[in-house]
Amino acid sequence: MTIAKAGRPTTAAHAGWDEVLDTAADLQFPLDVSETPRSTAERLESEASLDAAGVSAIDLLASAEEQARYARRTRRRRRVWTKRPRP
């Protein structure tokens, strides 16, 4: 299992999704690298006969992975510090 560094949501999303794919491969579920995370999740939910908790978990991980992959990255605003004149 991969442990993501704190403070890095994209790293955590990738690590979680990698764990899903590794587990699916270990359980002999076929994987298609051309599928989106959402498509893979839907297929695995059906093929693995997941219960409600499993469906919820894989949907959350697929959504996080899609955001990490495809969402527009915003630039962090730099805080500009200025020296104030002393009174």
PDB file of N, CA and C in Angstrom:
ATOM      1  N   MET A   1       0.839  -1.169   0.000  1.00  0.00           N
ATOM      2  CA  MET A   1       0.000   0.000   0.000  1.00  0.00           C
ATOM      3  C   MET A   1       0.889   1.239   0.000  1.00  0.00           C
ATOM      4  N   THR A   2       0.471   2.241  -0.745  1.00  0.00           N
ATOM      5  CA  THR A   2       1.209   3.492  -0.810  1.00  0.00           C
ATOM      6  C   THR A   2       0.614   4.469   0.189  1.00  0.00           C
ATOM      7  N   ILE A   3       1.453   5.140   0.932  1.00  0.00           N
ATOM      8  CA  ILE A   3       0.974   6.147   1.866  1.00  0.00           C
ATOM      9  C   ILE A   3       1.307   7.514   1.302  1.00  0.00           C
ATOM     10  N   ALA A   4       0.282   8.331   1.147  1.00  0.00           N
ATOM     11  CA  ALA A   4       0.464   9.662   0.560  1.00  0.00           C
ATOM     12  C   ALA A   4       0.970  10.640   1.610  1.00  0.00           C
ATOM     13  N   LYS A   5       1.732  11.602   1.133  1.00  0.00           N
ATOM     14  CA  LYS A   5       2.212  12.647   2.024  1.00  0.00           C
ATOM     15  C   LYS A   5       1.055  13.569   2.385  1.00  0.00           C
ATOM     16  N   ALA A   6       1.021  13.973   3.632  1.00  0.00           N
ATOM     17  CA  ALA A   6      -0.031  14.875   4.080  1.00  0.00           C
ATOM     18  C   ALA A   6       0.065  16.200   3.342  1.00  0.00           C
ATOM     19  N   GLY A   7      -1.084  16.792   3.077  1.00  0.00           N
ATOM     20  CA  GLY A   7      -1.105  18.093   2.439  1.00  0.00           C
ATOM     21  C   GLY A   7      -1.072  18.042   0.922  1.00  0.00           C
ATOM     22  N   ARG A   8      -1.065  16.873   0.344  1.00  0.00           N
ATOM     23  CA  ARG A   8      -1.024  16.730  -1.112  1.00  0.00           C
ATOM     24  C   ARG A   8      -2.241  15.934  -1.568  1.00  0.00           C
ATOM     25  N   PRO A   9      -3.382  16.584  -1.799  1.00  0.00           N
ATOM     26  CA  PRO A   9      -4.596  15.860  -2.187  1.00  0.00           C
ATOM     27  C   PRO A   9      -4.436  15.073  -3.482  1.00  0.00           C
ATOM     28  N   THR A  10      -3.707  15.610  -4.449  1.00  0.00           N
ATOM     29  CA  THR A  10      -3.548  14.875  -5.703  1.00  0.00           C
ATOM     30  C   THR A  10      -2.727  13.604  -5.486  1.00  0.00           C
ATOM     31  N   THR A  11      -1.731  13.676  -4.639  1.00  0.00           N
ATOM     32  CA  THR A  11      -0.928  12.497  -4.335  1.00  0.00           C
ATOM     33  C   THR A  11      -1.777  11.444  -3.635  1.00  0.00           C
ATOM     34  N   ALA A  12      -2.620  11.886  -2.717  1.00  0.00           N
ATOM     35  CA  ALA A  12      -3.502  10.954  -2.012  1.00  0.00           C
ATOM     36  C   ALA A  12      -4.502  10.316  -2.969  1.00  0.00           C
ATOM     37  N   ALA A  13      -5.046  11.102  -3.890  1.00  0.00           N
ATOM     38  CA  ALA A  13      -6.003  10.569  -4.862  1.00  0.00           C
ATOM     39  C   ALA A  13      -5.341   9.518  -5.751  1.00  0.00           C
ATOM     40  N   HIS A  14      -4.151   9.822  -6.254  1.00  0.00           N
ATOM     41  CA  HIS A  14      -3.437   8.863  -7.101  1.00  0.00           C
ATOM     42  C   HIS A  14      -3.093   7.588  -6.328  1.00  0.00           C
ATOM     43  N   ALA A  15      -2.668   7.734  -5.096  1.00  0.00           N
ATOM     44  CA  ALA A  15      -2.312   6.566  -4.278  1.00  0.00           C
ATOM     45  C   ALA A  15      -3.540   5.696  -4.013  1.00  0.00           C
ATOM     46  N   GLY A  16      -4.659   6.328  -3.703  1.00  0.00           N
ATOM     47  CA  GLY A  16      -5.894   5.574  -3.464  1.00  0.00           C
ATOM     48  C   GLY A  16      -6.352   4.837  -4.702  1.00  0.00           C
ATOM     49  N   TRP A  17      -6.302   5.515  -5.841  1.00  0.00           N
ATOM     50  CA  TRP A  17      -6.739   4.877  -7.087  1.00  0.00           C
ATOM     51  C   TRP A  17      -5.773   3.764  -7.496  1.00  0.00           C
ATOM     52  N   ASP A  18      -4.479   3.973  -7.297  1.00  0.00           N
ATOM     53  CA  ASP A  18      -3.500   2.918  -7.588  1.00  0.00           C
ATOM     54  C   ASP A  18      -3.786   1.671  -6.752  1.00  0.00           C
ATOM     55  N   GLU A  19      -4.209   1.886  -5.523  1.00  0.00           N
ATOM     56  CA  GLU A  19      -4.536   0.753  -4.648  1.00  0.00           C
ATOM     57  C   GLU A  19      -5.754  -0.004  -5.176  1.00  0.00           C
ATOM     58  N   VAL A  20      -6.751   0.728  -5.675  1.00  0.00           N
ATOM     59  CA  VAL A  20      -7.924   0.083  -6.281  1.00  0.00           C
ATOM     60  C   VAL A  20      -7.487  -0.783  -7.461  1.00  0.00           C
ATOM     61  N   LEU A  21      -6.658  -0.210  -8.340  1.00  0.00           N
ATOM     62  CA  LEU A  21      -6.215  -0.945  -9.522  1.00  0.00           C
ATOM     63  C   LEU A  21      -5.352  -2.149  -9.159  1.00  0.00           C
ATOM     64  N   ASP A  22      -4.474  -1.984  -8.172  1.00  0.00           N
ATOM     65  CA  ASP A  22      -3.631  -3.100  -7.740  1.00  0.00           C
ATOM     66  C   ASP A  22      -4.476  -4.236  -7.167  1.00  0.00           C
ATOM     67  N   THR A  23      -5.466  -3.881  -6.368  1.00  0.00           N
ATOM     68  CA  THR A  23      -6.345  -4.888  -5.774  1.00  0.00           C
ATOM     69  C   THR A  23      -7.160  -5.597  -6.855  1.00  0.00           C
ATOM     70  N   ALA A  24      -7.677  -4.820  -7.807  1.00  0.00           N
ATOM     71  CA  ALA A  24      -8.440  -5.420  -8.908  1.00  0.00           C
ATOM     72  C   ALA A  24      -7.571  -6.395  -9.701  1.00  0.00           C
ATOM     73  N   ALA A  25      -6.338  -6.007  -9.961  1.00  0.00           N
ATOM     74  CA  ALA A  25      -5.419  -6.890 -10.696  1.00  0.00           C
ATOM     75  C   ALA A  25      -5.114  -8.150  -9.888  1.00  0.00           C
ATOM     76  N   ASP A  26      -4.895  -7.978  -8.582  1.00  0.00           N
ATOM     77  CA  ASP A  26      -4.626  -9.139  -7.722  1.00  0.00           C
ATOM     78  C   ASP A  26      -5.792 -10.123  -7.730  1.00  0.00           C
ATOM     79  N   LEU A  27      -7.010  -9.590  -7.847  1.00  0.00           N
ATOM     80  CA  LEU A  27      -8.205 -10.436  -7.847  1.00  0.00           C
ATOM     81  C   LEU A  27      -8.606 -10.895  -9.247  1.00  0.00           C
ATOM     82  N   GLN A  28      -7.712 -10.654 -10.212  1.00  0.00           N
ATOM     83  CA  GLN A  28      -7.877 -11.126 -11.592  1.00  0.00           C
ATOM     84  C   GLN A  28      -9.002 -10.432 -12.365  1.00  0.00           C
ATOM     85  N   PHE A  29      -9.341  -9.196 -11.990  1.00  0.00           N
ATOM     86  CA  PHE A  29     -10.291  -8.422 -12.789  1.00  0.00           C
ATOM     87  C   PHE A  29      -9.502  -7.756 -13.914  1.00  0.00           C
ATOM     88  N   PRO A  30      -9.999  -7.852 -15.143  1.00  0.00           N
ATOM     89  CA  PRO A  30      -9.269  -7.235 -16.254  1.00  0.00           C
ATOM     90  C   PRO A  30      -9.289  -5.716 -16.138  1.00  0.00           C
ATOM     91  N   LEU A  31      -8.181  -5.093 -16.486  1.00  0.00           N
ATOM     92  CA  LEU A  31      -8.076  -3.640 -16.447  1.00  0.00           C
ATOM     93  C   LEU A  31      -7.798  -3.124 -17.851  1.00  0.00           C
ATOM     94  N   ASP A  32      -8.380  -1.999 -18.161  1.00  0.00           N
ATOM     95  CA  ASP A  32      -8.206  -1.363 -19.465  1.00  0.00           C
ATOM     96  C   ASP A  32      -7.669   0.039 -19.219  1.00  0.00           C
ATOM     97  N   VAL A  33      -6.433   0.290 -19.619  1.00  0.00           N
ATOM     98  CA  VAL A  33      -5.805   1.582 -19.349  1.00  0.00           C
ATOM     99  C   VAL A  33      -6.480   2.730 -20.093  1.00  0.00           C
ATOM    100  N   SER A  34      -7.289   2.414 -21.101  1.00  0.00           N
ATOM    101  CA  SER A  34      -7.972   3.480 -21.835  1.00  0.00           C
ATOM    102  C   SER A  34      -9.269   3.927 -21.153  1.00  0.00           C
ATOM    103  N   GLU A  35      -9.712   3.192 -20.141  1.00  0.00           N
ATOM    104  CA  GLU A  35     -10.925   3.568 -19.417  1.00  0.00           C
ATOM    105  C   GLU A  35     -10.662   4.732 -18.464  1.00  0.00           C
ATOM    106  N   THR A  36     -11.672   5.552 -18.285  1.00  0.00           N
ATOM    107  CA  THR A  36     -11.589   6.593 -17.270  1.00  0.00           C
ATOM    108  C   THR A  36     -11.777   5.941 -15.903  1.00  0.00           C
ATOM    109  N   PRO A  37     -11.364   6.616 -14.835  1.00  0.00           N
ATOM    110  CA  PRO A  37     -11.609   6.057 -13.509  1.00  0.00           C
ATOM    111  C   PRO A  37     -13.097   5.779 -13.256  1.00  0.00           C
ATOM    112  N   ARG A  38     -13.966   6.665 -13.727  1.00  0.00           N
ATOM    113  CA  ARG A  38     -15.410   6.465 -13.528  1.00  0.00           C
ATOM    114  C   ARG A  38     -15.884   5.185 -14.226  1.00  0.00           C
ATOM    115  N   SER A  39     -15.434   4.969 -15.459  1.00  0.00           N
ATOM    116  CA  SER A  39     -15.824   3.766 -16.199  1.00  0.00           C
ATOM    117  C   SER A  39     -15.280   2.511 -15.527  1.00  0.00           C
ATOM    118  N   THR A  40     -14.046   2.581 -15.088  1.00  0.00           N
ATOM    119  CA  THR A  40     -13.445   1.441 -14.392  1.00  0.00           C
ATOM    120  C   THR A  40     -14.210   1.135 -13.119  1.00  0.00           C
ATOM    121  N   ALA A  41     -14.555   2.178 -12.360  1.00  0.00           N
ATOM    122  CA  ALA A  41     -15.291   1.986 -11.110  1.00  0.00           C
ATOM    123  C   ALA A  41     -16.648   1.334 -11.377  1.00  0.00           C
ATOM    124  N   GLU A  42     -17.361   1.839 -12.376  1.00  0.00           N
ATOM    125  CA  GLU A  42     -18.679   1.274 -12.688  1.00  0.00           C
ATOM    126  C   GLU A  42     -18.569  -0.197 -13.085  1.00  0.00           C
ATOM    127  N   ARG A  43     -17.562  -0.511 -13.870  1.00  0.00           N
ATOM    128  CA  ARG A  43     -17.381  -1.896 -14.296  1.00  0.00           C
ATOM    129  C   ARG A  43     -17.018  -2.789 -13.117  1.00  0.00           C
ATOM    130  N   LEU A  44     -16.097  -2.315 -12.264  1.00  0.00           N
ATOM    131  CA  LEU A  44     -15.696  -3.119 -11.112  1.00  0.00           C
ATOM    132  C   LEU A  44     -16.849  -3.298 -10.124  1.00  0.00           C
ATOM    133  N   GLU A  45     -17.665  -2.270  -9.959  1.00  0.00           N
ATOM    134  CA  GLU A  45     -18.829  -2.396  -9.065  1.00  0.00           C
ATOM    135  C   GLU A  45     -19.723  -3.541  -9.510  1.00  0.00           C
ATOM    136  N   SER A  46     -19.915  -3.642 -10.810  1.00  0.00           N
ATOM    137  CA  SER A  46     -20.771  -4.690 -11.364  1.00  0.00           C
ATOM    138  C   SER A  46     -20.097  -6.060 -11.308  1.00  0.00           C
ATOM    139  N   GLU A  47     -18.864  -6.121 -11.786  1.00  0.00           N
ATOM    140  CA  GLU A  47     -18.164  -7.409 -11.871  1.00  0.00           C
ATOM    141  C   GLU A  47     -17.822  -7.976 -10.499  1.00  0.00           C
ATOM    142  N   ALA A  48     -17.529  -7.110  -9.536  1.00  0.00           N
ATOM    143  CA  ALA A  48     -17.125  -7.576  -8.208  1.00  0.00           C
ATOM    144  C   ALA A  48     -18.303  -7.717  -7.254  1.00  0.00           C
ATOM    145  N   SER A  49     -19.497  -7.355  -7.716  1.00  0.00           N
ATOM    146  CA  SER A  49     -20.706  -7.429  -6.875  1.00  0.00           C
ATOM    147  C   SER A  49     -20.477  -6.738  -5.529  1.00  0.00           C
ATOM    148  N   LEU A  50     -20.044  -5.501  -5.587  1.00  0.00           N
ATOM    149  CA  LEU A  50     -19.758  -4.747  -4.365  1.00  0.00           C
ATOM    150  C   LEU A  50     -21.037  -4.396  -3.618  1.00  0.00           C
ATOM    151  N   ASP A  51     -20.931  -4.361  -2.301  1.00  0.00           N
ATOM    152  CA  ASP A  51     -22.064  -3.909  -1.491  1.00  0.00           C
ATOM    153  C   ASP A  51     -22.104  -2.379  -1.505  1.00  0.00           C
ATOM    154  N   ALA A  52     -23.072  -1.793  -0.810  1.00  0.00           N
ATOM    155  CA  ALA A  52     -23.259  -0.334  -0.836  1.00  0.00           C
ATOM    156  C   ALA A  52     -22.021   0.412  -0.348  1.00  0.00           C
ATOM    157  N   ALA A  53     -21.372  -0.100   0.681  1.00  0.00           N
ATOM    158  CA  ALA A  53     -20.169   0.564   1.207  1.00  0.00           C
ATOM    159  C   ALA A  53     -19.035   0.507   0.192  1.00  0.00           C
ATOM    160  N   GLY A  54     -18.896  -0.617  -0.484  1.00  0.00           N
ATOM    161  CA  GLY A  54     -17.860  -0.759  -1.495  1.00  0.00           C
ATOM    162  C   GLY A  54     -18.100   0.151  -2.688  1.00  0.00           C
ATOM    163  N   VAL A  55     -19.360   0.245  -3.110  1.00  0.00           N
ATOM    164  CA  VAL A  55     -19.721   1.140  -4.215  1.00  0.00           C
ATOM    165  C   VAL A  55     -19.419   2.586  -3.841  1.00  0.00           C
ATOM    166  N   SER A  56     -19.801   2.971  -2.642  1.00  0.00           N
ATOM    167  CA  SER A  56     -19.552   4.335  -2.172  1.00  0.00           C
ATOM    168  C   SER A  56     -18.055   4.639  -2.133  1.00  0.00           C
ATOM    169  N   ALA A  57     -17.269   3.706  -1.640  1.00  0.00           N
ATOM    170  CA  ALA A  57     -15.819   3.903  -1.522  1.00  0.00           C
ATOM    171  C   ALA A  57     -15.155   4.015  -2.888  1.00  0.00           C
ATOM    172  N   ILE A  58     -15.495   3.122  -3.802  1.00  0.00           N
ATOM    173  CA  ILE A  58     -14.840   3.156  -5.114  1.00  0.00           C
ATOM    174  C   ILE A  58     -15.285   4.380  -5.908  1.00  0.00           C
ATOM    175  N   ASP A  59     -16.559   4.802  -5.728  1.00  0.00           N
ATOM    176  CA  ASP A  59     -17.016   6.027  -6.392  1.00  0.00           C
ATOM    177  C   ASP A  59     -16.256   7.246  -5.886  1.00  0.00           C
ATOM    178  N   LEU A  60     -16.022   7.301  -4.586  1.00  0.00           N
ATOM    179  CA  LEU A  60     -15.275   8.411  -3.993  1.00  0.00           C
ATOM    180  C   LEU A  60     -13.836   8.444  -4.530  1.00  0.00           C
ATOM    181  N   LEU A  61     -13.201   7.284  -4.574  1.00  0.00           N
ATOM    182  CA  LEU A  61     -11.827   7.217  -5.070  1.00  0.00           C
ATOM    183  C   LEU A  61     -11.745   7.545  -6.558  1.00  0.00           C
ATOM    184  N   ALA A  62     -12.716   7.079  -7.338  1.00  0.00           N
ATOM    185  CA  ALA A  62     -12.726   7.383  -8.772  1.00  0.00           C
ATOM    186  C   ALA A  62     -12.920   8.878  -8.997  1.00  0.00           C
ATOM    187  N   SER A  63     -13.807   9.487  -8.230  1.00  0.00           N
ATOM    188  CA  SER A  63     -14.043  10.927  -8.353  1.00  0.00           C
ATOM    189  C   SER A  63     -12.796  11.726  -7.978  1.00  0.00           C
ATOM    190  N   ALA A  64     -12.138  11.325  -6.900  1.00  0.00           N
ATOM    191  CA  ALA A  64     -10.915  12.013  -6.480  1.00  0.00           C
ATOM    192  C   ALA A  64      -9.825  11.870  -7.540  1.00  0.00           C
ATOM    193  N   GLU A  65      -9.714  10.686  -8.128  1.00  0.00           N
ATOM    194  CA  GLU A  65      -8.706  10.464  -9.165  1.00  0.00           C
ATOM    195  C   GLU A  65      -9.006  11.307 -10.403  1.00  0.00           C
ATOM    196  N   GLU A  66     -10.279  11.378 -10.789  1.00  0.00           N
ATOM    197  CA  GLU A  66     -10.623  12.200 -11.953  1.00  0.00           C
ATOM    198  C   GLU A  66     -10.326  13.673 -11.694  1.00  0.00           C
ATOM    199  N   GLN A  67     -10.615  14.137 -10.494  1.00  0.00           N
ATOM    200  CA  GLN A  67     -10.283  15.529 -10.167  1.00  0.00           C
ATOM    201  C   GLN A  67      -8.785  15.754 -10.211  1.00  0.00           C
ATOM    202  N   ALA A  68      -8.038  14.812  -9.664  1.00  0.00           N
ATOM    203  CA  ALA A  68      -6.572  14.948  -9.661  1.00  0.00           C
ATOM    204  C   ALA A  68      -6.012  14.940 -11.082  1.00  0.00           C
ATOM    205  N   ARG A  69      -6.615  14.152 -11.956  1.00  0.00           N
ATOM    206  CA  ARG A  69      -6.119  14.064 -13.332  1.00  0.00           C
ATOM    207  C   ARG A  69      -6.564  15.223 -14.214  1.00  0.00           C
ATOM    208  N   TYR A  70      -7.855  15.535 -14.133  1.00  0.00           N
ATOM    209  CA  TYR A  70      -8.448  16.384 -15.161  1.00  0.00           C
ATOM    210  C   TYR A  70      -8.833  17.793 -14.725  1.00  0.00           C
ATOM    211  N   ALA A  71      -8.932  18.041 -13.439  1.00  0.00           N
ATOM    212  CA  ALA A  71      -9.371  19.366 -12.987  1.00  0.00           C
ATOM    213  C   ALA A  71      -8.305  20.418 -13.284  1.00  0.00           C
ATOM    214  N   ARG A  72      -8.784  21.583 -13.587  1.00  0.00           N
ATOM    215  CA  ARG A  72      -7.869  22.690 -13.836  1.00  0.00           C
ATOM    216  C   ARG A  72      -7.117  23.015 -12.553  1.00  0.00           C
ATOM    217  N   ARG A  73      -5.850  23.168 -12.688  1.00  0.00           N
ATOM    218  CA  ARG A  73      -5.039  23.509 -11.520  1.00  0.00           C
ATOM    219  C   ARG A  73      -5.027  25.016 -11.357  1.00  0.00           C
ATOM    220  N   THR A  74      -5.236  25.438 -10.155  1.00  0.00           N
ATOM    221  CA  THR A  74      -5.202  26.870  -9.903  1.00  0.00           C
ATOM    222  C   THR A  74      -3.851  27.229  -9.317  1.00  0.00           C
ATOM    223  N   ARG A  75      -3.448  28.406  -9.619  1.00  0.00           N
ATOM    224  CA  ARG A  75      -2.184  28.878  -9.052  1.00  0.00           C
ATOM    225  C   ARG A  75      -2.456  29.414  -7.661  1.00  0.00           C
ATOM    226  N   ARG A  76      -1.554  29.122  -6.807  1.00  0.00           N
ATOM    227  CA  ARG A  76      -1.674  29.676  -5.459  1.00  0.00           C
ATOM    228  C   ARG A  76      -1.285  31.134  -5.497  1.00  0.00           C
ATOM    229  N   ARG A  77      -2.087  31.902  -4.847  1.00  0.00           N
ATOM    230  CA  ARG A  77      -1.759  33.324  -4.788  1.00  0.00           C
ATOM    231  C   ARG A  77      -0.605  33.517  -3.819  1.00  0.00           C
ATOM    232  N   ARG A  78       0.361  34.254  -4.271  1.00  0.00           N
ATOM    233  CA  ARG A  78       1.485  34.572  -3.387  1.00  0.00           C
ATOM    234  C   ARG A  78       1.117  35.748  -2.520  1.00  0.00           C
ATOM    235  N   ARG A  79       1.436  35.616  -1.309  1.00  0.00           N
ATOM    236  CA  ARG A  79       1.169  36.711  -0.393  1.00  0.00           C
ATOM    237  C   ARG A  79       2.349  37.662  -0.451  1.00  0.00           C
ATOM    238  N   VAL A  80       2.057  38.878  -0.709  1.00  0.00           N
ATOM    239  CA  VAL A  80       3.111  39.877  -0.817  1.00  0.00           C
ATOM    240  C   VAL A  80       3.226  40.596   0.523  1.00  0.00           C
ATOM    241  N   TRP A  81       4.379  40.490   1.093  1.00  0.00           N
ATOM    242  CA  TRP A  81       4.625  41.155   2.368  1.00  0.00           C
ATOM    243  C   TRP A  81       5.348  42.467   2.080  1.00  0.00           C
ATOM    244  N   THR A  82       4.884  43.481   2.669  1.00  0.00           N
ATOM    245  CA  THR A  82       5.557  44.773   2.518  1.00  0.00           C
ATOM    246  C   THR A  82       5.961  45.270   3.883  1.00  0.00           C
ATOM    247  N   LYS A  83       7.053  45.947   3.883  1.00  0.00           N
ATOM    248  CA  LYS A  83       7.507  46.538   5.146  1.00  0.00           C
ATOM    249  C   LYS A  83       6.731  47.819   5.373  1.00  0.00           C
ATOM    250  N   ARG A  84       6.244  47.917   6.564  1.00  0.00           N
ATOM    251  CA  ARG A  84       5.560  49.161   6.926  1.00  0.00           C
ATOM    252  C   ARG A  84       6.577  50.096   7.558  1.00  0.00           C
ATOM    253  N   PRO A  85       6.464  51.337   7.215  1.00  0.00           N
ATOM    254  CA  PRO A  85       7.400  52.285   7.849  1.00  0.00           C
ATOM    255  C   PRO A  85       7.145  52.351   9.349  1.00  0.00           C
ATOM    256  N   ARG A  86       8.211  52.440  10.057  1.00  0.00           N
ATOM    257  CA  ARG A  86       8.090  52.559  11.522  1.00  0.00           C
ATOM    258  C   ARG A  86       7.620  53.944  11.897  1.00  0.00           C
ATOM    259  N   PRO A  87       6.749  54.039  12.865  1.00  0.00           N
ATOM    260  CA  PRO A  87       6.266  55.377  13.278  1.00  0.00           C
ATOM    261  C   PRO A  87       7.319  56.197  13.992  1.00  0.00           C
TER     262      PRO A  87
END
